[in-house]
Amino acid sequence: MKLAEYLDSTKTSQSAFAKRLGVSQGLVYQWLSGKRPISAEQCPVIERLTGGLVTCEELNDKVDWAYVRGTGPQANAQEAA
């Protein structure tokens, strides 16, 4: 689920969500409008706040989240060694 869909479906304002995250409403607006990417550091926080409905993979596709989570092929190969 996209962050905008989550906010709409839960009737959460940008301002209220920003407050829960400890960021400005303007930053949330920039994320939603595509003017600024969501940082890799914020993604896990957002995923937790949304109960997993909005995933890190949905928020930022520039990060290899499978590797970060320790579930990717490289992580599995290291465990097998």
Protein backbone atom coordinates (compact mmCIF):
# COMPACT_ATOMS: atom_id res chain seq x y z
CA MET A 1 0.00 0.00 0.00
CA LYS A 2 1.26 3.46 -0.82
CA LEU A 3 1.66 5.97 1.99
CA ALA A 4 -0.99 8.29 0.49
CA GLU A 5 -3.47 5.38 0.37
CA TYR A 6 -2.72 4.55 4.00
CA LEU A 7 -3.29 8.13 5.11
CA ASP A 8 -6.55 8.30 3.14
CA SER A 9 -7.83 4.93 4.37
CA THR A 10 -7.07 5.74 8.01
CA LYS A 11 -8.23 9.36 7.67
CA THR A 12 -4.86 10.50 9.02
CA SER A 13 -3.79 14.02 8.11
CA GLN A 14 -0.31 14.77 6.86
CA SER A 15 0.15 16.94 9.93
CA ALA A 16 -0.86 14.20 12.38
CA PHE A 17 1.34 11.64 10.64
CA ALA A 18 4.28 14.06 10.60
CA LYS A 19 3.86 14.63 14.32
CA ARG A 20 3.96 10.89 15.02
CA LEU A 21 7.15 10.65 12.95
CA GLY A 22 8.76 13.74 14.42
CA VAL A 23 9.10 15.46 11.05
CA SER A 24 7.43 18.49 9.50
CA GLN A 25 4.14 18.35 7.63
CA GLY A 26 5.98 19.95 4.72
CA LEU A 27 8.33 16.98 4.51
CA VAL A 28 5.41 14.54 4.43
CA TYR A 29 3.85 16.63 1.66
CA GLN A 30 7.12 16.51 -0.30
CA TRP A 31 7.22 12.71 0.04
CA LEU A 32 3.63 12.35 -1.12
CA SER A 33 4.06 14.71 -4.05
CA GLY A 34 7.28 13.01 -5.17
CA LYS A 35 9.36 16.14 -4.66
CA ARG A 36 11.59 14.40 -2.15
CA PRO A 37 12.35 10.70 -1.63
CA ILE A 38 11.71 9.04 1.70
CA SER A 39 15.05 8.36 3.36
CA ALA A 40 16.11 4.81 4.12
CA GLU A 41 16.26 5.75 7.80
CA GLN A 42 12.60 6.80 7.86
CA CYS A 43 11.26 3.73 6.04
CA PRO A 44 11.39 1.25 8.97
CA VAL A 45 9.81 3.82 11.26
CA ILE A 46 6.96 4.39 8.80
CA GLU A 47 6.53 0.64 8.32
CA ARG A 48 6.20 0.16 12.09
CA LEU A 49 3.80 3.13 12.48
CA THR A 50 1.55 1.73 9.76
CA GLY A 51 1.55 -1.76 11.23
CA GLY A 52 3.35 -3.09 8.18
CA LEU A 53 0.66 -1.92 5.76
CA VAL A 54 3.16 0.42 4.10
CA THR A 55 6.42 -1.43 3.59
CA CYS A 56 9.97 -0.18 3.21
CA GLU A 57 10.00 -1.71 -0.26
CA GLU A 58 7.05 0.47 -1.25
CA LEU A 59 8.56 3.60 0.27
CA ASN A 60 12.07 3.47 -1.18
CA ASP A 61 13.01 1.15 -4.03
CA LYS A 62 16.64 2.31 -4.11
CA VAL A 63 17.53 0.13 -1.10
CA ASP A 64 17.99 -3.64 -1.20
CA TRP A 65 15.54 -4.27 1.64
CA ALA A 66 15.89 -8.06 1.41
CA TYR A 67 19.58 -7.66 2.21
CA VAL A 68 18.91 -5.15 4.99
CA ARG A 69 16.29 -7.44 6.51
CA GLY A 70 18.68 -10.38 6.26
CA THR A 71 16.36 -12.32 3.98
CA GLY A 72 18.04 -11.82 0.62
CA PRO A 73 20.14 -14.34 -1.29
CA GLN A 74 23.40 -12.86 -0.01
CA ALA A 75 22.26 -13.01 3.60
CA ASN A 76 21.13 -16.62 3.19
CA ALA A 77 24.47 -17.57 1.65
CA GLN A 78 26.31 -16.07 4.62
CA GLU A 79 24.16 -18.03 7.07
CA ALA A 80 24.89 -21.27 5.21
CA ALA A 81 28.67 -20.71 5.40
